[in-house]
PDB file of N, CA and C in Angstrom:
ATOM      1  N   UNK A   1       0.846  -1.182   0.000  1.00  0.00           N
ATOM      2  CA  UNK A   1       0.000   0.000   0.000  1.00  0.00           C
ATOM      3  C   UNK A   1       0.890   1.244   0.000  1.00  0.00           C
ATOM      4  N   UNK A   2       0.547   2.201  -0.843  1.00  0.00           N
ATOM      5  CA  UNK A   2       1.309   3.433  -0.909  1.00  0.00           C
ATOM      6  C   UNK A   2       0.928   4.347   0.247  1.00  0.00           C
ATOM      7  N   UNK A   3       1.937   4.975   0.834  1.00  0.00           N
ATOM      8  CA  UNK A   3       1.688   5.863   1.967  1.00  0.00           C
ATOM      9  C   UNK A   3       1.362   7.262   1.476  1.00  0.00           C
ATOM     10  N   UNK A   4       0.355   7.861   2.095  1.00  0.00           N
ATOM     11  CA  UNK A   4      -0.019   9.237   1.785  1.00  0.00           C
ATOM     12  C   UNK A   4       0.563  10.155   2.844  1.00  0.00           C
ATOM     13  N   UNK A   5       0.861  11.402   2.423  1.00  0.00           N
ATOM     14  CA  UNK A   5       1.214  12.450   3.371  1.00  0.00           C
ATOM     15  C   UNK A   5       0.660  13.766   2.860  1.00  0.00           C
ATOM     16  N   UNK A   6       0.437  14.674   3.776  1.00  0.00           N
ATOM     17  CA  UNK A   6      -0.123  15.970   3.409  1.00  0.00           C
ATOM     18  C   UNK A   6       0.813  17.090   3.824  1.00  0.00           C
ATOM     19  N   UNK A   7       0.715  18.171   3.094  1.00  0.00           N
ATOM     20  CA  UNK A   7       1.376  19.418   3.462  1.00  0.00           C
ATOM     21  C   UNK A   7       0.274  20.473   3.458  1.00  0.00           C
ATOM     22  N   UNK A   8       0.115  21.113   4.600  1.00  0.00           N
ATOM     23  CA  UNK A   8      -0.972  22.082   4.732  1.00  0.00           C
ATOM     24  C   UNK A   8      -0.468  23.472   5.070  1.00  0.00           C
ATOM     25  N   UNK A   9      -1.239  24.446   4.666  1.00  0.00           N
ATOM     26  CA  UNK A   9      -0.960  25.850   4.947  1.00  0.00           C
ATOM     27  C   UNK A   9      -2.245  26.492   5.430  1.00  0.00           C
ATOM     28  N   UNK A  10      -2.172  27.265   6.488  1.00  0.00           N
ATOM     29  CA  UNK A  10      -3.316  28.068   6.920  1.00  0.00           C
ATOM     30  C   UNK A  10      -2.801  29.483   7.157  1.00  0.00           C
ATOM     31  N   UNK A  11      -3.436  30.449   6.515  1.00  0.00           N
ATOM     32  CA  UNK A  11      -3.049  31.850   6.653  1.00  0.00           C
ATOM     33  C   UNK A  11      -4.225  32.575   7.308  1.00  0.00           C
ATOM     34  N   UNK A  12      -4.123  32.892   8.603  1.00  0.00           N
ATOM     35  CA  UNK A  12      -5.244  33.516   9.301  1.00  0.00           C
ATOM     36  C   UNK A  12      -5.412  34.988   8.933  1.00  0.00           C
ATOM     37  N   UNK A  13      -6.634  35.469   9.081  1.00  0.00           N
ATOM     38  CA  UNK A  13      -6.930  36.877   8.835  1.00  0.00           C
ATOM     39  C   UNK A  13      -7.177  37.157   7.363  1.00  0.00           C
ATOM     40  N   UNK A  14      -7.379  38.437   7.062  1.00  0.00           N
ATOM     41  CA  UNK A  14      -7.592  38.871   5.681  1.00  0.00           C
ATOM     42  C   UNK A  14      -6.241  39.066   5.006  1.00  0.00           C
ATOM     43  N   UNK A  15      -6.041  38.409   3.878  1.00  0.00           N
ATOM     44  CA  UNK A  15      -4.772  38.526   3.167  1.00  0.00           C
ATOM     45  C   UNK A  15      -4.647  39.911   2.552  1.00  0.00           C
ATOM     46  N   UNK A  16      -3.489  40.523   2.732  1.00  0.00           N
ATOM     47  CA  UNK A  16      -3.227  41.850   2.186  1.00  0.00           C
ATOM     48  C   UNK A  16      -2.248  41.792   1.024  1.00  0.00           C
ATOM     49  N   UNK A  17      -1.697  40.630   0.751  1.00  0.00           N
ATOM     50  CA  UNK A  17      -0.732  40.456  -0.339  1.00  0.00           C
ATOM     51  C   UNK A  17      -0.761  38.997  -0.788  1.00  0.00           C
ATOM     52  N   UNK A  18      -0.160  38.756  -1.954  1.00  0.00           N
ATOM     53  CA  UNK A  18      -0.067  37.394  -2.466  1.00  0.00           C
ATOM     54  C   UNK A  18       0.867  36.571  -1.585  1.00  0.00           C
ATOM     55  N   UNK A  19       0.675  35.267  -1.612  1.00  0.00           N
ATOM     56  CA  UNK A  19       1.464  34.335  -0.811  1.00  0.00           C
ATOM     57  C   UNK A  19       2.190  33.386  -1.768  1.00  0.00           C
ATOM     58  N   UNK A  20       3.453  33.113  -1.493  1.00  0.00           N
ATOM     59  CA  UNK A  20       4.201  32.104  -2.248  1.00  0.00           C
ATOM     60  C   UNK A  20       4.936  31.231  -1.247  1.00  0.00           C
ATOM     61  N   UNK A  21       4.682  29.938  -1.311  1.00  0.00           N
ATOM     62  CA  UNK A  21       5.373  28.980  -0.451  1.00  0.00           C
ATOM     63  C   UNK A  21       6.202  28.072  -1.351  1.00  0.00           C
ATOM     64  N   UNK A  22       7.474  27.943  -1.035  1.00  0.00           N
ATOM     65  CA  UNK A  22       8.376  27.101  -1.803  1.00  0.00           C
ATOM     66  C   UNK A  22       8.940  26.054  -0.853  1.00  0.00           C
ATOM     67  N   UNK A  23       8.846  24.779  -1.239  1.00  0.00           N
ATOM     68  CA  UNK A  23       9.344  23.710  -0.376  1.00  0.00           C
ATOM     69  C   UNK A  23       9.838  22.551  -1.225  1.00  0.00           C
ATOM     70  N   UNK A  24      10.668  21.716  -0.624  1.00  0.00           N
ATOM     71  CA  UNK A  24      11.193  20.518  -1.281  1.00  0.00           C
ATOM     72  C   UNK A  24      10.451  19.298  -0.755  1.00  0.00           C
ATOM     73  N   UNK A  25      10.121  18.377  -1.643  1.00  0.00           N
ATOM     74  CA  UNK A  25       9.453  17.151  -1.212  1.00  0.00           C
ATOM     75  C   UNK A  25      10.471  16.254  -0.514  1.00  0.00           C
ATOM     76  N   UNK A  26      10.030  15.482   0.500  1.00  0.00           N
ATOM     77  CA  UNK A  26      10.962  14.673   1.279  1.00  0.00           C
ATOM     78  C   UNK A  26      11.394  13.371   0.613  1.00  0.00           C
ATOM     79  N   UNK A  27      10.657  12.952  -0.416  1.00  0.00           N
ATOM     80  CA  UNK A  27      10.947  11.682  -1.086  1.00  0.00           C
ATOM     81  C   UNK A  27      10.249  11.695  -2.439  1.00  0.00           C
ATOM     82  N   UNK A  28      10.568  10.737  -3.322  1.00  0.00           N
ATOM     83  CA  UNK A  28       9.816  10.650  -4.571  1.00  0.00           C
ATOM     84  C   UNK A  28       8.320  10.499  -4.255  1.00  0.00           C
ATOM     85  N   UNK A  29       7.486  11.244  -4.987  1.00  0.00           N
ATOM     86  CA  UNK A  29       6.060  11.227  -4.668  1.00  0.00           C
ATOM     87  C   UNK A  29       5.238  11.771  -5.831  1.00  0.00           C
ATOM     88  N   UNK A  30       3.923  11.656  -5.683  1.00  0.00           N
ATOM     89  CA  UNK A  30       2.973  12.141  -6.670  1.00  0.00           C
ATOM     90  C   UNK A  30       1.916  12.970  -5.952  1.00  0.00           C
ATOM     91  N   UNK A  31       1.618  14.144  -6.493  1.00  0.00           N
ATOM     92  CA  UNK A  31       0.555  14.992  -5.949  1.00  0.00           C
ATOM     93  C   UNK A  31      -0.770  14.460  -6.478  1.00  0.00           C
ATOM     94  N   UNK A  32      -1.667  14.054  -5.573  1.00  0.00           N
ATOM     95  CA  UNK A  32      -2.915  13.415  -5.999  1.00  0.00           C
ATOM     96  C   UNK A  32      -4.174  14.206  -5.648  1.00  0.00           C
ATOM     97  N   UNK A  33      -4.035  15.256  -4.826  1.00  0.00           N
ATOM     98  CA  UNK A  33      -5.232  15.988  -4.408  1.00  0.00           C
ATOM     99  C   UNK A  33      -4.832  17.329  -3.827  1.00  0.00           C
ATOM    100  N   UNK A  34      -5.630  18.344  -4.115  1.00  0.00           N
ATOM    101  CA  UNK A  34      -5.459  19.667  -3.518  1.00  0.00           C
ATOM    102  C   UNK A  34      -6.819  20.125  -3.023  1.00  0.00           C
ATOM    103  N   UNK A  35      -6.853  20.644  -1.818  1.00  0.00           N
ATOM    104  CA  UNK A  35      -8.059  21.227  -1.238  1.00  0.00           C
ATOM    105  C   UNK A  35      -7.704  22.658  -0.844  1.00  0.00           C
ATOM    106  N   UNK A  36      -8.513  23.638  -1.293  1.00  0.00           N
ATOM    107  CA  UNK A  36      -8.199  25.044  -1.027  1.00  0.00           C
ATOM    108  C   UNK A  36      -9.479  25.830  -0.803  1.00  0.00           C
ATOM    109  N   UNK A  37      -9.461  26.674   0.230  1.00  0.00           N
ATOM    110  CA  UNK A  37     -10.640  27.476   0.498  1.00  0.00           C
ATOM    111  C   UNK A  37     -10.358  28.628   1.424  1.00  0.00           C
ATOM    112  N   UNK A  38     -11.376  29.445   1.609  1.00  0.00           N
ATOM    113  CA  UNK A  38     -11.300  30.579   2.525  1.00  0.00           C
ATOM    114  C   UNK A  38     -12.617  30.677   3.278  1.00  0.00           C
ATOM    115  N   UNK A  39     -12.633  31.518   4.295  1.00  0.00           N
ATOM    116  CA  UNK A  39     -13.838  31.629   5.115  1.00  0.00           C
ATOM    117  C   UNK A  39     -14.842  32.623   4.542  1.00  0.00           C
ATOM    118  N   UNK A  40     -14.451  33.362   3.511  1.00  0.00           N
ATOM    119  CA  UNK A  40     -15.356  34.352   2.929  1.00  0.00           C
ATOM    120  C   UNK A  40     -15.545  34.076   1.440  1.00  0.00           C
ATOM    121  N   UNK A  41     -16.355  34.899   0.794  1.00  0.00           N
ATOM    122  CA  UNK A  41     -16.584  34.822  -0.646  1.00  0.00           C
ATOM    123  C   UNK A  41     -15.488  35.636  -1.319  1.00  0.00           C
ATOM    124  N   UNK A  42     -14.349  34.996  -1.611  1.00  0.00           N
ATOM    125  CA  UNK A  42     -13.180  35.716  -2.127  1.00  0.00           C
ATOM    126  C   UNK A  42     -12.988  35.468  -3.624  1.00  0.00           C
ATOM    127  N   UNK A  43     -12.036  36.195  -4.194  1.00  0.00           N
ATOM    128  CA  UNK A  43     -11.656  36.026  -5.589  1.00  0.00           C
ATOM    129  C   UNK A  43     -10.244  35.453  -5.708  1.00  0.00           C
ATOM    130  N   UNK A  44      -9.736  34.865  -4.635  1.00  0.00           N
ATOM    131  CA  UNK A  44      -8.366  34.346  -4.603  1.00  0.00           C
ATOM    132  C   UNK A  44      -8.165  33.240  -5.642  1.00  0.00           C
ATOM    133  N   UNK A  45      -6.939  33.179  -6.167  1.00  0.00           N
ATOM    134  CA  UNK A  45      -6.568  32.199  -7.187  1.00  0.00           C
ATOM    135  C   UNK A  45      -5.336  31.423  -6.740  1.00  0.00           C
ATOM    136  N   UNK A  46      -5.297  30.138  -7.072  1.00  0.00           N
ATOM    137  CA  UNK A  46      -4.212  29.244  -6.679  1.00  0.00           C
ATOM    138  C   UNK A  46      -3.496  28.703  -7.907  1.00  0.00           C
ATOM    139  N   UNK A  47      -2.168  28.622  -7.834  1.00  0.00           N
ATOM    140  CA  UNK A  47      -1.332  27.961  -8.843  1.00  0.00           C
ATOM    141  C   UNK A  47      -0.329  27.077  -8.123  1.00  0.00           C
ATOM    142  N   UNK A  48       0.030  25.968  -8.769  1.00  0.00           N
ATOM    143  CA  UNK A  48       1.066  25.095  -8.221  1.00  0.00           C
ATOM    144  C   UNK A  48       2.025  24.753  -9.357  1.00  0.00           C
ATOM    145  N   UNK A  49       3.310  24.921  -9.078  1.00  0.00           N
ATOM    146  CA  UNK A  49       4.310  24.624 -10.096  1.00  0.00           C
ATOM    147  C   UNK A  49       5.700  24.609  -9.521  1.00  0.00           C
ATOM    148  N   UNK A  50       6.614  25.244 -10.259  1.00  0.00           N
ATOM    149  CA  UNK A  50       8.007  25.348  -9.843  1.00  0.00           C
ATOM    150  C   UNK A  50       8.369  26.830  -9.784  1.00  0.00           C
ATOM    151  N   UNK A  51       9.543  27.126  -9.301  1.00  0.00           N
ATOM    152  CA  UNK A  51       9.992  28.515  -9.270  1.00  0.00           C
ATOM    153  C   UNK A  51      10.079  29.057 -10.698  1.00  0.00           C
ATOM    154  N   UNK A  52      10.590  28.248 -11.626  1.00  0.00           N
ATOM    155  CA  UNK A  52      10.730  28.675 -13.020  1.00  0.00           C
ATOM    156  C   UNK A  52       9.400  28.727 -13.762  1.00  0.00           C
ATOM    157  N   UNK A  53       8.437  27.887 -13.369  1.00  0.00           N
ATOM    158  CA  UNK A  53       7.139  27.798 -14.049  1.00  0.00           C
ATOM    159  C   UNK A  53       6.046  27.630 -12.989  1.00  0.00           C
ATOM    160  N   UNK A  54       5.552  28.744 -12.433  1.00  0.00           N
ATOM    161  CA  UNK A  54       4.639  28.697 -11.284  1.00  0.00           C
ATOM    162  C   UNK A  54       3.323  27.947 -11.499  1.00  0.00           C
ATOM    163  N   UNK A  55       2.911  27.738 -12.761  1.00  0.00           N
ATOM    164  CA  UNK A  55       1.674  26.985 -12.978  1.00  0.00           C
ATOM    165  C   UNK A  55       1.929  25.696 -13.772  1.00  0.00           C
ATOM    166  N   UNK A  56       3.104  25.115 -13.580  1.00  0.00           N
ATOM    167  CA  UNK A  56       3.484  23.898 -14.302  1.00  0.00           C
ATOM    168  C   UNK A  56       2.592  22.705 -13.973  1.00  0.00           C
ATOM    169  N   UNK A  57       2.014  22.679 -12.766  1.00  0.00           N
ATOM    170  CA  UNK A  57       1.239  21.512 -12.331  1.00  0.00           C
ATOM    171  C   UNK A  57      -0.253  21.797 -12.182  1.00  0.00           C
ATOM    172  N   UNK A  58      -0.606  22.992 -11.726  1.00  0.00           N
ATOM    173  CA  UNK A  58      -2.007  23.387 -11.588  1.00  0.00           C
ATOM    174  C   UNK A  58      -2.107  24.838 -12.025  1.00  0.00           C
ATOM    175  N   UNK A  59      -2.808  25.053 -13.150  1.00  0.00           N
ATOM    176  CA  UNK A  59      -2.964  26.406 -13.656  1.00  0.00           C
ATOM    177  C   UNK A  59      -3.926  27.185 -12.773  1.00  0.00           C
ATOM    178  N   UNK A  60      -3.854  28.483 -12.862  1.00  0.00           N
ATOM    179  CA  UNK A  60      -4.631  29.379 -12.013  1.00  0.00           C
ATOM    180  C   UNK A  60      -6.090  28.938 -11.904  1.00  0.00           C
ATOM    181  N   UNK A  61      -6.535  28.736 -10.671  1.00  0.00           N
ATOM    182  CA  UNK A  61      -7.917  28.320 -10.430  1.00  0.00           C
ATOM    183  C   UNK A  61      -8.424  28.973  -9.143  1.00  0.00           C
ATOM    184  N   UNK A  62      -9.721  29.118  -9.041  1.00  0.00           N
ATOM    185  CA  UNK A  62     -10.304  29.725  -7.852  1.00  0.00           C
ATOM    186  C   UNK A  62     -10.211  28.762  -6.681  1.00  0.00           C
ATOM    187  N   UNK A  63     -10.181  29.340  -5.475  1.00  0.00           N
ATOM    188  CA  UNK A  63     -10.253  28.515  -4.271  1.00  0.00           C
ATOM    189  C   UNK A  63     -11.694  28.558  -3.774  1.00  0.00           C
ATOM    190  N   UNK A  64     -12.023  27.682  -2.852  1.00  0.00           N
ATOM    191  CA  UNK A  64     -13.374  27.620  -2.334  1.00  0.00           C
ATOM    192  C   UNK A  64     -13.733  28.833  -1.498  1.00  0.00           C
ATOM    193  N   UNK A  65     -15.019  29.040  -1.353  1.00  0.00           N
ATOM    194  CA  UNK A  65     -15.549  30.183  -0.616  1.00  0.00           C
ATOM    195  C   UNK A  65     -16.405  29.735   0.557  1.00  0.00           C
ATOM    196  N   UNK A  66     -16.495  30.599   1.535  1.00  0.00           N
ATOM    197  CA  UNK A  66     -17.407  30.443   2.656  1.00  0.00           C
ATOM    198  C   UNK A  66     -17.294  29.072   3.294  1.00  0.00           C
ATOM    199  N   UNK A  67     -16.030  28.674   3.545  1.00  0.00           N
ATOM    200  CA  UNK A  67     -15.706  27.430   4.229  1.00  0.00           C
ATOM    201  C   UNK A  67     -16.131  26.166   3.474  1.00  0.00           C
ATOM    202  N   UNK A  68     -16.233  26.266   2.147  1.00  0.00           N
ATOM    203  CA  UNK A  68     -16.471  25.101   1.294  1.00  0.00           C
ATOM    204  C   UNK A  68     -15.296  25.028   0.325  1.00  0.00           C
ATOM    205  N   UNK A  69     -14.306  24.168   0.601  1.00  0.00           N
ATOM    206  CA  UNK A  69     -13.102  24.132  -0.231  1.00  0.00           C
ATOM    207  C   UNK A  69     -13.374  23.607  -1.640  1.00  0.00           C
ATOM    208  N   UNK A  70     -12.554  24.058  -2.573  1.00  0.00           N
ATOM    209  CA  UNK A  70     -12.528  23.499  -3.921  1.00  0.00           C
ATOM    210  C   UNK A  70     -11.478  22.398  -3.912  1.00  0.00           C
ATOM    211  N   UNK A  71     -11.794  21.275  -4.530  1.00  0.00           N
ATOM    212  CA  UNK A  71     -10.865  20.162  -4.593  1.00  0.00           C
ATOM    213  C   UNK A  71     -10.364  19.990  -6.027  1.00  0.00           C
ATOM    214  N   UNK A  72      -9.069  19.767  -6.166  1.00  0.00           N
ATOM    215  CA  UNK A  72      -8.464  19.502  -7.467  1.00  0.00           C
ATOM    216  C   UNK A  72      -7.946  18.072  -7.469  1.00  0.00           C
ATOM    217  N   UNK A  73      -8.303  17.330  -8.514  1.00  0.00           N
ATOM    218  CA  UNK A  73      -7.855  15.951  -8.662  1.00  0.00           C
ATOM    219  C   UNK A  73      -7.238  15.786 -10.052  1.00  0.00           C
ATOM    220  N   UNK A  74      -7.007  14.571 -10.479  1.00  0.00           N
ATOM    221  CA  UNK A  74      -6.219  14.286 -11.684  1.00  0.00           C
ATOM    222  C   UNK A  74      -6.608  15.139 -12.888  1.00  0.00           C
ATOM    223  N   UNK A  75      -7.862  15.244 -13.223  1.00  0.00           N
ATOM    224  CA  UNK A  75      -8.271  15.966 -14.430  1.00  0.00           C
ATOM    225  C   UNK A  75      -8.079  17.471 -14.320  1.00  0.00           C
ATOM    226  N   UNK A  76      -7.849  17.981 -13.114  1.00  0.00           N
ATOM    227  CA  UNK A  76      -7.626  19.413 -12.924  1.00  0.00           C
ATOM    228  C   UNK A  76      -6.162  19.803 -13.114  1.00  0.00           C
ATOM    229  N   UNK A  77      -5.253  18.845 -13.014  1.00  0.00           N
ATOM    230  CA  UNK A  77      -3.837  19.131 -13.155  1.00  0.00           C
ATOM    231  C   UNK A  77      -3.472  19.286 -14.629  1.00  0.00           C
ATOM    232  N   UNK A  78      -2.368  19.964 -14.895  1.00  0.00           N
ATOM    233  CA  UNK A  78      -1.886  20.171 -16.262  1.00  0.00           C
ATOM    234  C   UNK A  78      -1.686  18.811 -16.936  1.00  0.00           C
ATOM    235  N   UNK A  79      -2.214  18.674 -18.142  1.00  0.00           N
ATOM    236  CA  UNK A  79      -2.095  17.414 -18.884  1.00  0.00           C
ATOM    237  C   UNK A  79      -3.007  16.320 -18.382  1.00  0.00           C
ATOM    238  N   UNK A  80      -3.931  16.656 -17.483  1.00  0.00           N
ATOM    239  CA  UNK A  80      -4.855  15.681 -16.900  1.00  0.00           C
ATOM    240  C   UNK A  80      -4.127  14.515 -16.234  1.00  0.00           C
ATOM    241  N   UNK A  81      -2.943  14.795 -15.705  1.00  0.00           N
ATOM    242  CA  UNK A  81      -2.136  13.776 -15.046  1.00  0.00           C
ATOM    243  C   UNK A  81      -1.685  14.265 -13.676  1.00  0.00           C
ATOM    244  N   UNK A  82      -1.555  13.335 -12.741  1.00  0.00           N
ATOM    245  CA  UNK A  82      -1.017  13.688 -11.429  1.00  0.00           C
ATOM    246  C   UNK A  82       0.432  14.162 -11.581  1.00  0.00           C
ATOM    247  N   UNK A  83       0.805  15.281 -10.975  1.00  0.00           N
ATOM    248  CA  UNK A  83       2.204  15.731 -11.019  1.00  0.00           C
ATOM    249  C   UNK A  83       3.109  14.761 -10.257  1.00  0.00           C
ATOM    250  N   UNK A  84       4.202  14.376 -10.894  1.00  0.00           N
ATOM    251  CA  UNK A  84       5.142  13.412 -10.330  1.00  0.00           C
ATOM    252  C   UNK A  84       6.450  14.110  -9.986  1.00  0.00           C
ATOM    253  N   UNK A  85       6.981  13.820  -8.812  1.00  0.00           N
ATOM    254  CA  UNK A  85       8.256  14.368  -8.346  1.00  0.00           C
ATOM    255  C   UNK A  85       9.168  13.173  -8.102  1.00  0.00           C
ATOM    256  N   UNK A  86      10.160  13.015  -8.975  1.00  0.00           N
ATOM    257  CA  UNK A  86      10.952  11.793  -9.010  1.00  0.00           C
ATOM    258  C   UNK A  86      12.044  11.685  -7.960  1.00  0.00           C
ATOM    259  N   UNK A  87      12.434  12.826  -7.378  1.00  0.00           N
ATOM    260  CA  UNK A  87      13.549  12.779  -6.430  1.00  0.00           C
ATOM    261  C   UNK A  87      13.240  13.561  -5.165  1.00  0.00           C
ATOM    262  N   UNK A  88      13.756  13.068  -4.049  1.00  0.00           N
ATOM    263  CA  UNK A  88      13.699  13.848  -2.816  1.00  0.00           C
ATOM    264  C   UNK A  88      14.418  15.161  -3.092  1.00  0.00           C
ATOM    265  N   UNK A  89      13.841  16.247  -2.663  1.00  0.00           N
ATOM    266  CA  UNK A  89      14.445  17.548  -2.891  1.00  0.00           C
ATOM    267  C   UNK A  89      13.861  18.293  -4.074  1.00  0.00           C
ATOM    268  N   UNK A  90      13.020  17.646  -4.895  1.00  0.00           N
ATOM    269  CA  UNK A  90      12.351  18.386  -5.966  1.00  0.00           C
ATOM    270  C   UNK A  90      11.551  19.527  -5.332  1.00  0.00           C
ATOM    271  N   UNK A  91      11.593  20.687  -5.959  1.00  0.00           N
ATOM    272  CA  UNK A  91      10.998  21.890  -5.374  1.00  0.00           C
ATOM    273  C   UNK A  91       9.623  22.174  -5.981  1.00  0.00           C
ATOM    274  N   UNK A  92       8.689  22.507  -5.104  1.00  0.00           N
ATOM    275  CA  UNK A  92       7.331  22.886  -5.497  1.00  0.00           C
ATOM    276  C   UNK A  92       7.088  24.312  -5.039  1.00  0.00           C
ATOM    277  N   UNK A  93       6.406  25.085  -5.879  1.00  0.00           N
ATOM    278  CA  UNK A  93       5.996  26.438  -5.499  1.00  0.00           C
ATOM    279  C   UNK A  93       4.475  26.506  -5.526  1.00  0.00           C
ATOM    280  N   UNK A  94       3.900  26.921  -4.409  1.00  0.00           N
ATOM    281  CA  UNK A  94       2.465  27.127  -4.289  1.00  0.00           C
ATOM    282  C   UNK A  94       2.238  28.635  -4.222  1.00  0.00           C
ATOM    283  N   UNK A  95       1.463  29.160  -5.167  1.00  0.00           N
ATOM    284  CA  UNK A  95       1.215  30.603  -5.233  1.00  0.00           C
ATOM    285  C   UNK A  95      -0.265  30.877  -5.027  1.00  0.00           C
ATOM    286  N   UNK A  96      -0.566  31.791  -4.124  1.00  0.00           N
ATOM    287  CA  UNK A  96      -1.944  32.197  -3.861  1.00  0.00           C
ATOM    288  C   UNK A  96      -2.063  33.690  -4.129  1.00  0.00           C
ATOM    289  N   UNK A  97      -2.823  34.031  -5.169  1.00  0.00           N
ATOM    290  CA  UNK A  97      -3.134  35.428  -5.478  1.00  0.00           C
ATOM    291  C   UNK A  97      -4.281  35.810  -4.545  1.00  0.00           C
ATOM    292  N   UNK A  98      -4.004  36.647  -3.586  1.00  0.00           N
ATOM    293  CA  UNK A  98      -4.932  36.886  -2.475  1.00  0.00           C
ATOM    294  C   UNK A  98      -6.292  37.438  -2.887  1.00  0.00           C
ATOM    295  N   UNK A  99      -6.365  38.143  -4.034  1.00  0.00           N
ATOM    296  CA  UNK A  99      -7.641  38.763  -4.428  1.00  0.00           C
ATOM    297  C   UNK A  99      -7.956  38.610  -5.912  1.00  0.00           C
ATOM    298  N   UNK A 100      -7.319  37.666  -6.575  1.00  0.00           N
ATOM    299  CA  UNK A 100      -7.578  37.496  -8.005  1.00  0.00           C
ATOM    300  C   UNK A 100      -7.214  38.761  -8.750  1.00  0.00           C
ATOM    301  N   UNK A 101      -8.058  39.199  -9.648  1.00  0.00           N
ATOM    302  CA  UNK A 101      -7.816  40.425 -10.416  1.00  0.00           C
ATOM    303  C   UNK A 101      -8.420  41.617  -9.679  1.00  0.00           C
ATOM    304  N   UNK A 102      -7.806  41.977  -8.555  1.00  0.00           N
ATOM    305  CA  UNK A 102      -8.229  43.111  -7.719  1.00  0.00           C
ATOM    306  C   UNK A 102      -9.687  42.955  -7.279  1.00  0.00           C
ATOM    307  N   UNK A 103     -10.004  41.748  -6.819  1.00  0.00           N
ATOM    308  CA  UNK A 103     -11.337  41.482  -6.299  1.00  0.00           C
ATOM    309  C   UNK A 103     -11.319  41.466  -4.780  1.00  0.00           C
ATOM    310  N   UNK A 104     -12.083  40.570  -4.197  1.00  0.00           N
ATOM    311  CA  UNK A 104     -12.176  40.452  -2.751  1.00  0.00           C
ATOM    312  C   UNK A 104     -11.078  39.541  -2.224  1.00  0.00           C
ATOM    313  N   UNK A 105     -10.326  40.026  -1.242  1.00  0.00           N
ATOM    314  CA  UNK A 105      -9.219  39.260  -0.659  1.00  0.00           C
ATOM    315  C   UNK A 105      -9.747  38.087   0.163  1.00  0.00           C
ATOM    316  N   UNK A 106      -9.000  36.988   0.121  1.00  0.00           N
ATOM    317  CA  UNK A 106      -9.348  35.806   0.912  1.00  0.00           C
ATOM    318  C   UNK A 106      -9.136  36.083   2.396  1.00  0.00           C
ATOM    319  N   UNK A 107      -9.977  35.469   3.196  1.00  0.00           N
ATOM    320  CA  UNK A 107      -9.833  35.513   4.647  1.00  0.00           C
ATOM    321  C   UNK A 107      -9.652  34.080   5.140  1.00  0.00           C
ATOM    322  N   UNK A 108      -8.723  33.900   6.082  1.00  0.00           N
ATOM    323  CA  UNK A 108      -8.506  32.587   6.692  1.00  0.00           C
ATOM    324  C   UNK A 108      -8.343  31.491   5.629  1.00  0.00           C
ATOM    325  N   UNK A 109      -7.409  31.684   4.726  1.00  0.00           N
ATOM    326  CA  UNK A 109      -7.177  30.737   3.631  1.00  0.00           C
ATOM    327  C   UNK A 109      -6.501  29.465   4.145  1.00  0.00           C
ATOM    328  N   UNK A 110      -6.968  28.328   3.638  1.00  0.00           N
ATOM    329  CA  UNK A 110      -6.387  27.033   3.984  1.00  0.00           C
ATOM    330  C   UNK A 110      -6.145  26.248   2.703  1.00  0.00           C
ATOM    331  N   UNK A 111      -4.937  25.687   2.585  1.00  0.00           N
ATOM    332  CA  UNK A 111      -4.555  24.863   1.449  1.00  0.00           C
ATOM    333  C   UNK A 111      -4.002  23.554   1.985  1.00  0.00           C
ATOM    334  N   UNK A 112      -4.425  22.439   1.406  1.00  0.00           N
ATOM    335  CA  UNK A 112      -3.896  21.135   1.799  1.00  0.00           C
ATOM    336  C   UNK A 112      -3.554  20.368   0.528  1.00  0.00           C
ATOM    337  N   UNK A 113      -2.288  19.936   0.434  1.00  0.00           N
ATOM    338  CA  UNK A 113      -1.808  19.150  -0.683  1.00  0.00           C
ATOM    339  C   UNK A 113      -1.592  17.725  -0.198  1.00  0.00           C
ATOM    340  N   UNK A 114      -2.151  16.751  -0.923  1.00  0.00           N
ATOM    341  CA  UNK A 114      -2.009  15.347  -0.553  1.00  0.00           C
ATOM    342  C   UNK A 114      -1.134  14.644  -1.589  1.00  0.00           C
ATOM    343  N   UNK A 115      -0.132  13.944  -1.091  1.00  0.00           N
ATOM    344  CA  UNK A 115       0.827  13.240  -1.928  1.00  0.00           C
ATOM    345  C   UNK A 115       0.778  11.747  -1.616  1.00  0.00           C
ATOM    346  N   UNK A 116       1.161  10.930  -2.605  1.00  0.00           N
ATOM    347  CA  UNK A 116       1.391   9.503  -2.406  1.00  0.00           C
ATOM    348  C   UNK A 116       2.888   9.293  -2.554  1.00  0.00           C
ATOM    349  N   UNK A 117       3.476   8.674  -1.549  1.00  0.00           N
ATOM    350  CA  UNK A 117       4.925   8.447  -1.554  1.00  0.00           C
ATOM    351  C   UNK A 117       5.268   7.251  -2.431  1.00  0.00           C
ATOM    352  N   UNK A 118       6.405   7.353  -3.084  1.00  0.00           N
ATOM    353  CA  UNK A 118       6.896   6.230  -3.865  1.00  0.00           C
ATOM    354  C   UNK A 118       6.917   6.527  -5.338  1.00  0.00           C
TER     355      UNK A 118
END
């Protein structure tokens, strides 16, 4: 059985600027699910990729509103395939545009990325 692990982010309060989180995966793995939302009706947008290509894995998409997260699965990822990270240390960049195109800023944003190891 393949082991799953999650990486989560919670940003409390009303976002006043965009957020970028860059991290290295601990082992070879595949991103199989993303859950993203905020506590209000926001216009925030999420991208997942690399430093060189910020939307290489998940192109700009809205996050959930009013505590109902949006979930991204295989068909939502670029190429309709789960993003694969072949080596420990591969870098992922998660970008959150706090208000989309100058819309309503997200409040209490939460992002959870689920990976399968191996």
